[in-house]
């Protein structure tokens, strides 16, 4: 599985908003330029991402001098999976299709449950981490456990 630059930037942008909200700026809109500068994200690219996040119900936007972006709901109710889906679509796809839409025959039959299991494991991690977790600098124990395995940090 690859995490696109778009998904990485989206997660970082939402995290930036979550951290600012946690610092007492609750309800205050943050300008896209501020997020872009803080996270070293190209501003024009970020504007498109923020539009996708707004359409996905992740962020709200306000126009005007005090305008900008803020989380549409509490950080504890937004998962990393929500953000990735909002900007990239399905979490795991095979040839652009969801695994459940595929069919294999003969020796390739075991591939379908393999792809479904892969999707389930990725979803378990990404749906198990909220932006409240990330803003607090804490990952849930199952995710910490996976990351603590030495082999997780090695490239075969």
Protein backbone atom coordinates (compact mmCIF):
# COMPACT_ATOMS: atom_id res chain seq x y z
CA UNK A 1 0.00 0.00 0.00
CA UNK A 2 1.21 3.48 -0.83
CA UNK A 3 0.21 6.64 0.97
CA UNK A 4 -0.10 9.38 -1.65
CA UNK A 5 1.37 12.85 -1.14
CA UNK A 6 -2.22 14.09 -1.19
CA UNK A 7 -3.19 11.79 1.73
CA UNK A 8 -0.02 12.64 3.68
CA UNK A 9 -0.65 16.38 3.26
CA UNK A 10 -4.32 15.96 4.18
CA UNK A 11 -3.48 14.09 7.38
CA UNK A 12 -0.88 16.72 8.31
CA UNK A 13 -3.32 19.57 7.60
CA UNK A 14 -6.08 18.01 9.71
CA UNK A 15 -3.58 17.32 12.48
CA UNK A 16 -2.47 20.96 12.38
CA UNK A 17 -6.10 22.05 12.81
CA UNK A 18 -6.63 19.52 15.62
CA UNK A 19 -3.54 20.71 17.51
CA UNK A 20 -4.56 24.35 17.18
CA UNK A 21 -8.05 23.48 18.40
CA UNK A 22 -6.53 21.69 21.38
CA UNK A 23 -4.44 24.76 22.22
CA UNK A 24 -7.57 26.74 22.94
CA UNK A 25 -8.30 28.05 19.44
CA UNK A 26 -11.53 26.04 19.44
CA UNK A 27 -13.87 27.43 16.84
CA UNK A 28 -11.22 29.80 15.46
CA UNK A 29 -10.69 29.46 11.73
CA UNK A 30 -7.11 28.90 10.55
CA UNK A 31 -6.04 30.30 7.20
CA UNK A 32 -4.86 27.83 4.57
CA UNK A 33 -1.61 29.80 4.25
CA UNK A 34 -0.94 29.26 7.97
CA UNK A 35 -1.45 25.49 7.65
CA UNK A 36 0.63 25.35 4.46
CA UNK A 37 3.53 27.20 6.08
CA UNK A 38 3.37 25.22 9.34
CA UNK A 39 3.40 21.88 7.53
CA UNK A 40 5.53 22.81 4.48
CA UNK A 41 2.71 21.95 2.08
CA UNK A 42 2.45 23.76 -1.27
CA UNK A 43 -0.37 26.27 -0.76
CA UNK A 44 -2.20 25.71 -4.07
CA UNK A 45 -2.10 21.93 -3.55
CA UNK A 46 -3.41 22.37 -0.02
CA UNK A 47 -6.35 24.47 -1.22
CA UNK A 48 -7.55 21.54 -3.37
CA UNK A 49 -7.06 19.12 -0.50
CA UNK A 50 -9.00 21.35 1.89
CA UNK A 51 -11.84 21.47 -0.65
CA UNK A 52 -11.97 17.66 -0.67
CA UNK A 53 -11.88 17.62 3.15
CA UNK A 54 -14.73 20.12 3.27
CA UNK A 55 -16.83 18.04 0.86
CA UNK A 56 -15.98 14.98 2.97
CA UNK A 57 -17.30 16.62 6.14
CA UNK A 58 -13.89 16.74 7.81
CA UNK A 59 -13.40 20.51 7.85
CA UNK A 60 -15.61 23.58 7.67
CA UNK A 61 -14.61 26.80 5.99
CA UNK A 62 -15.45 30.44 6.55
CA UNK A 63 -14.94 33.31 4.16
CA UNK A 64 -13.82 36.80 5.00
CA UNK A 65 -11.17 38.48 7.09
CA UNK A 66 -11.63 36.07 9.98
CA UNK A 67 -12.12 33.18 7.59
CA UNK A 68 -10.23 29.97 7.21
CA UNK A 69 -10.66 26.32 8.11
CA UNK A 70 -11.51 24.39 11.25
CA UNK A 71 -12.52 20.84 12.07
CA UNK A 72 -16.15 20.09 11.25
CA UNK A 73 -16.45 17.80 14.27
CA UNK A 74 -14.34 16.98 17.34
CA UNK A 75 -10.88 15.54 16.67
CA UNK A 76 -11.84 12.42 18.64
CA UNK A 77 -14.50 11.71 16.01
CA UNK A 78 -12.20 11.94 12.98
CA UNK A 79 -9.97 8.99 12.09
CA UNK A 80 -6.99 8.87 9.78
CA UNK A 81 -9.08 6.57 7.57
CA UNK A 82 -11.76 9.28 7.26
CA UNK A 83 -9.20 11.74 5.93
CA UNK A 84 -7.54 9.30 3.53
CA UNK A 85 -10.93 8.32 2.11
CA UNK A 86 -11.95 11.97 1.71
CA UNK A 87 -8.94 12.76 -0.48
CA UNK A 88 -8.02 9.43 -2.10
CA UNK A 89 -11.14 7.26 -2.04
CA UNK A 90 -11.05 3.63 -0.88
CA UNK A 91 -8.24 2.73 1.52
CA UNK A 92 -7.14 -0.38 -0.40
CA UNK A 93 -7.90 -1.09 -4.02
CA UNK A 94 -6.61 -3.57 -6.56
CA UNK A 95 -6.34 -2.19 -10.08
CA UNK A 96 -8.60 0.65 -8.95
CA UNK A 97 -11.36 -1.65 -7.66
CA UNK A 98 -12.38 -2.55 -4.15
CA UNK A 99 -11.29 -6.10 -3.31
CA UNK A 100 -14.89 -7.22 -2.81
CA UNK A 101 -15.62 -6.33 -6.43
CA UNK A 102 -13.01 -8.75 -7.78
CA UNK A 103 -13.29 -12.37 -8.84
CA UNK A 104 -10.49 -14.87 -9.37
CA UNK A 105 -10.52 -18.43 -10.65
CA UNK A 106 -8.19 -21.38 -10.53
CA UNK A 107 -4.90 -20.97 -8.70
CA UNK A 108 -5.57 -17.25 -8.23
CA UNK A 109 -8.67 -17.84 -6.03
CA UNK A 110 -6.73 -17.35 -2.76
CA UNK A 111 -5.87 -13.81 -3.85
CA UNK A 112 -9.35 -12.45 -3.09
CA UNK A 113 -9.28 -13.29 0.64
CA UNK A 114 -5.66 -12.08 0.73
CA UNK A 115 -6.66 -8.64 -0.62
CA UNK A 116 -9.69 -8.51 1.69
CA UNK A 117 -7.46 -9.38 4.68
CA UNK A 118 -4.99 -6.68 3.65
CA UNK A 119 -7.81 -4.14 3.47
CA UNK A 120 -9.13 -5.25 6.87
CA UNK A 121 -5.71 -4.90 8.52
CA UNK A 122 -5.07 -1.46 7.04
CA UNK A 123 -8.56 -0.31 8.03
CA UNK A 124 -8.03 -1.64 11.57
CA UNK A 125 -4.98 0.59 11.97
CA UNK A 126 -6.25 3.72 10.20
CA UNK A 127 -9.75 3.55 11.70
CA UNK A 128 -8.23 2.99 15.14
CA UNK A 129 -6.31 6.28 15.24
CA UNK A 130 -8.15 9.57 15.77
CA UNK A 131 -6.84 13.07 15.41
CA UNK A 132 -7.32 13.53 19.14
CA UNK A 133 -4.83 10.66 19.60
CA UNK A 134 -2.34 12.25 17.21
CA UNK A 135 -2.79 15.76 18.64
CA UNK A 136 -2.05 14.33 22.10
CA UNK A 137 1.06 12.60 20.74
CA UNK A 138 -0.34 9.18 21.64
CA UNK A 139 -1.09 6.24 19.42
CA UNK A 140 -3.46 3.48 20.58
CA UNK A 141 -1.69 0.45 22.07
CA UNK A 142 -2.33 -1.91 19.10
CA UNK A 143 -0.69 0.60 16.75
CA UNK A 144 2.21 1.27 19.14
CA UNK A 145 2.71 -2.48 19.40
CA UNK A 146 2.93 -2.89 15.64
CA UNK A 147 5.36 0.01 15.33
CA UNK A 148 7.50 -1.36 18.18
CA UNK A 149 8.31 -4.53 16.25
CA UNK A 150 11.90 -4.17 14.96
CA UNK A 151 10.97 -5.74 11.62
CA UNK A 152 8.43 -2.96 11.06
CA UNK A 153 11.30 -0.49 10.62
CA UNK A 154 13.30 -2.66 8.22
CA UNK A 155 13.05 -2.68 4.45
CA UNK A 156 13.43 -6.20 3.12
